Amino acid sequence: MRTSSVAIAAGVALAIFTAWITRQAKALEQDLDASSQKIALLDKPAPDFHLTSIDGRPVSLASYHGKKLVLMFWATWNNGSHPEMLVLGMLYDRLHASSDFDIVGVAVDDEAAAVKRFAADSKIAFPLVLDRNRELTNAYGIRSLPTALIIDSDGKVSYGGVGFARDRQGEFARHLGLQPGAVRMEMMGGPRVRGN
């Protein structure tokens, strides 16, 4: 008799503990998800960096002073990064020459060969740098890929977007000072640029 009441009490205690730990885990997951969406440097000066692009050119924040700069933290192994990079590639190809902005893609935990292959296959023309040790990623407080930041002409982070969003190209255009509607994502046809 006594053994069965001990077993019942242990079972009840285990059930209560399981319910409590499950609730704690869900709360932690929600907190982590919310914090991964936060841009820690928003409205703050962007940390300087000095890297080399995959084609051997020096790339630093200081070299873009006076221009708006999109920093795209991405990876070839992260499927959510691919459409974001394609949208930026189209934006760069079609509007870079007539506007005052630049783009640098920061490949996080990636291999040079994979990044070069992606750039060639996708015809990415803007500079791509490797961040194998996550030094730049950590300096900018990036917790999720892809993450896009826009650094204004004074060197402050003025915009941040986490993950891929079909309407992101409109946000980019607005924050880069391009005419509203200059860039539009067609629902079925992929990224396309419209005339002014």
Protein backbone atom coordinates (compact mmCIF):
# COMPACT_ATOMS: atom_id res chain seq x y z
CA MET A 1 0.00 0.00 0.00
CA ARG A 2 2.65 2.44 1.03
CA THR A 3 4.73 1.90 -2.13
CA SER A 4 1.82 2.73 -4.40
CA SER A 5 1.05 6.01 -2.62
CA VAL A 6 4.73 7.00 -2.90
CA ALA A 7 4.63 6.13 -6.62
CA ILE A 8 1.44 8.17 -7.06
CA ALA A 9 2.96 11.15 -5.25
CA ALA A 10 6.12 10.87 -7.37
CA GLY A 11 4.00 10.68 -10.53
CA VAL A 12 2.02 13.79 -9.53
CA ALA A 13 5.23 15.65 -8.67
CA LEU A 14 6.74 14.65 -12.04
CA ALA A 15 3.62 15.83 -13.89
CA ILE A 16 3.68 19.18 -12.09
CA PHE A 17 7.40 19.59 -12.80
CA THR A 18 6.90 18.67 -16.48
CA ALA A 19 4.12 21.25 -16.85
CA TRP A 20 6.27 23.91 -15.14
CA ILE A 21 9.41 23.20 -17.19
CA THR A 22 7.39 23.19 -20.45
CA ARG A 23 5.92 26.60 -19.57
CA GLN A 24 9.41 27.92 -18.73
CA ALA A 25 10.83 26.60 -22.02
CA LYS A 26 8.04 28.25 -24.04
CA ALA A 27 8.61 31.57 -22.27
CA LEU A 28 12.35 31.34 -22.94
CA GLU A 29 11.72 30.52 -26.61
CA GLN A 30 9.45 33.57 -26.96
CA ASP A 31 12.05 35.79 -25.27
CA LEU A 32 14.82 34.48 -27.52
CA ASP A 33 12.68 34.93 -30.64
CA ALA A 34 11.81 38.51 -29.66
CA SER A 35 15.43 39.36 -28.84
CA SER A 36 16.65 37.90 -32.15
CA GLN A 37 14.39 40.41 -33.92
CA LYS A 38 15.82 43.41 -32.06
CA ILE A 39 18.43 45.60 -33.69
CA ALA A 40 20.76 46.54 -30.84
CA LEU A 41 22.53 49.35 -32.71
CA LEU A 42 19.45 51.13 -34.08
CA ASP A 43 20.06 54.92 -33.94
CA LYS A 44 23.63 54.32 -32.70
CA PRO A 45 27.00 54.70 -34.43
CA ALA A 46 27.95 51.68 -36.53
CA PRO A 47 31.19 49.93 -35.50
CA ASP A 48 34.00 50.36 -38.00
CA PHE A 49 35.37 47.35 -39.82
CA HIS A 50 38.24 46.53 -42.18
CA LEU A 51 37.77 43.40 -44.28
CA THR A 52 38.70 42.10 -47.71
CA SER A 53 36.05 41.21 -50.26
CA ILE A 54 36.04 37.78 -51.89
CA ASP A 55 37.58 39.38 -54.98
CA GLY A 56 40.45 40.89 -52.96
CA ARG A 57 39.31 44.51 -52.54
CA PRO A 58 39.59 46.26 -49.15
CA VAL A 59 36.19 47.02 -47.60
CA SER A 60 35.72 49.28 -44.57
CA LEU A 61 32.93 51.36 -43.10
CA ALA A 62 35.06 54.49 -43.43
CA SER A 63 35.28 54.05 -47.20
CA TYR A 64 31.49 54.54 -47.41
CA HIS A 65 31.37 57.69 -45.26
CA GLY A 66 28.95 60.22 -46.76
CA LYS A 67 26.88 57.47 -48.44
CA LYS A 68 24.12 55.24 -47.18
CA LEU A 69 25.27 51.66 -46.77
CA VAL A 70 23.24 48.47 -46.61
CA LEU A 71 25.00 45.76 -44.61
CA MET A 72 23.39 42.41 -45.33
CA PHE A 73 24.32 39.64 -42.90
CA TRP A 74 23.57 36.37 -44.70
CA ALA A 75 24.90 32.88 -45.49
CA THR A 76 24.81 30.51 -48.43
CA TRP A 77 23.71 27.73 -46.04
CA ASN A 78 20.72 29.84 -44.87
CA ASN A 79 17.89 29.45 -47.40
CA GLY A 80 16.10 32.54 -46.08
CA SER A 81 19.11 34.61 -47.14
CA HIS A 82 18.86 33.71 -50.83
CA PRO A 83 15.75 35.72 -51.79
CA GLU A 84 16.94 38.70 -49.72
CA MET A 85 20.28 38.70 -51.56
CA LEU A 86 18.50 38.45 -54.91
CA VAL A 87 16.30 41.46 -54.06
CA LEU A 88 19.39 43.44 -53.04
CA GLY A 89 21.19 42.34 -56.19
CA MET A 90 18.34 43.67 -58.34
CA LEU A 91 18.19 46.90 -56.33
CA TYR A 92 21.93 47.40 -56.71
CA ASP A 93 21.99 46.58 -60.44
CA ARG A 94 19.13 48.85 -61.34
CA LEU A 95 19.45 51.81 -58.97
CA HIS A 96 23.01 51.97 -57.61
CA ALA A 97 24.47 54.02 -60.48
CA SER A 98 21.82 56.73 -60.18
CA SER A 99 21.63 56.85 -56.36
CA ASP A 100 23.88 57.52 -53.39
CA PHE A 101 23.95 54.14 -51.63
CA ASP A 102 26.08 51.03 -51.55
CA ILE A 103 25.66 47.44 -50.37
CA VAL A 104 28.06 45.04 -48.67
CA GLY A 105 27.09 41.41 -48.11
CA VAL A 106 28.58 39.86 -44.97
CA ALA A 107 28.71 36.06 -45.33
CA VAL A 108 28.52 34.59 -41.82
CA ASP A 109 30.25 31.27 -41.05
CA ASP A 110 30.63 30.59 -44.75
CA GLU A 111 33.33 29.26 -47.06
CA ALA A 112 34.85 31.46 -49.77
CA ALA A 113 34.13 28.90 -52.52
CA ALA A 114 30.43 28.72 -51.63
CA VAL A 115 30.11 32.51 -51.51
CA LYS A 116 31.92 32.93 -54.85
CA ARG A 117 29.67 30.29 -56.43
CA PHE A 118 26.52 31.98 -55.08
CA ALA A 119 27.73 35.40 -56.29
CA ALA A 120 28.48 34.05 -59.77
CA ASP A 121 25.22 32.09 -60.07
CA SER A 122 23.14 35.03 -58.78
CA LYS A 123 25.17 37.71 -60.56
CA ILE A 124 25.72 39.66 -57.32
CA ALA A 125 27.77 42.74 -58.20
CA PHE A 126 28.17 44.38 -54.78
CA PRO A 127 31.10 43.48 -52.50
CA LEU A 128 30.86 40.31 -50.43
CA VAL A 129 33.05 39.74 -47.37
CA LEU A 130 33.54 36.69 -45.13
CA ASP A 131 32.90 36.78 -41.39
CA ARG A 132 34.08 33.28 -40.46
CA ASN A 133 34.74 34.08 -36.80
CA ARG A 134 31.58 36.20 -36.41
CA GLU A 135 33.63 39.22 -35.30
CA LEU A 136 31.59 41.66 -37.39
CA THR A 137 28.34 39.80 -36.70
CA ASN A 138 28.95 40.03 -32.95
CA ALA A 139 30.10 43.67 -33.13
CA TYR A 140 26.76 44.55 -34.77
CA GLY A 141 24.73 42.38 -32.36
CA ILE A 142 23.28 40.20 -35.13
CA ARG A 143 21.38 37.18 -33.77
CA SER A 144 19.49 35.93 -36.82
CA LEU A 145 20.08 35.54 -40.55
CA PRO A 146 19.35 37.21 -42.82
CA THR A 147 19.55 40.64 -41.18
CA ALA A 148 19.80 43.87 -43.14
CA LEU A 149 21.04 47.12 -41.64
CA ILE A 150 21.13 50.53 -43.26
CA ILE A 151 23.85 52.87 -42.06
CA ASP A 152 23.13 56.52 -42.85
CA SER A 153 25.62 58.94 -44.37
CA ASP A 154 26.71 60.01 -40.87
CA GLY A 155 27.60 56.45 -39.82
CA LYS A 156 24.54 55.66 -37.66
CA VAL A 157 22.39 52.56 -38.00
CA SER A 158 19.09 53.99 -39.21
CA TYR A 159 17.21 50.80 -40.14
CA GLY A 160 17.25 47.10 -39.39
CA GLY A 161 15.21 44.23 -40.73
CA VAL A 162 15.42 40.58 -39.69
CA GLY A 163 14.44 37.67 -41.91
CA PHE A 164 13.06 37.74 -45.42
CA ALA A 165 9.98 39.82 -46.12
CA ARG A 166 8.38 40.20 -49.54
CA ASP A 167 7.79 43.90 -48.91
CA ARG A 168 11.35 44.57 -47.72
CA GLN A 169 12.38 46.16 -51.04
CA GLY A 170 9.92 49.00 -50.36
CA GLU A 171 11.49 49.53 -46.93
CA PHE A 172 14.95 49.57 -48.51
CA ALA A 173 13.84 52.10 -51.11
CA ARG A 174 12.27 54.37 -48.49
CA HIS A 175 15.25 54.24 -46.11
CA LEU A 176 17.73 54.75 -48.95
CA GLY A 177 15.88 57.88 -50.08
CA LEU A 178 14.67 56.36 -53.35
CA GLN A 179 11.31 57.32 -54.80
CA PRO A 180 8.39 55.41 -53.27
CA GLY A 181 7.46 52.52 -55.49
CA ALA A 182 10.82 52.52 -57.27
CA VAL A 183 11.27 48.88 -56.38
CA ARG A 184 8.45 46.37 -56.27
CA MET A 185 8.27 42.65 -55.66
CA GLU A 186 5.83 40.93 -57.96
CA MET A 187 4.02 38.16 -56.12
CA MET A 188 4.64 35.55 -58.80
CA GLY A 189 7.45 37.01 -60.87
CA GLY A 190 10.10 37.73 -58.24
CA PRO A 191 11.97 40.99 -57.79
CA ARG A 192 11.47 43.60 -60.47
CA VAL A 193 12.27 47.29 -60.67
CA ARG A 194 9.67 49.74 -61.90
CA GLY A 195 10.26 53.09 -63.53
CA ASN A 196 9.96 56.32 -61.52
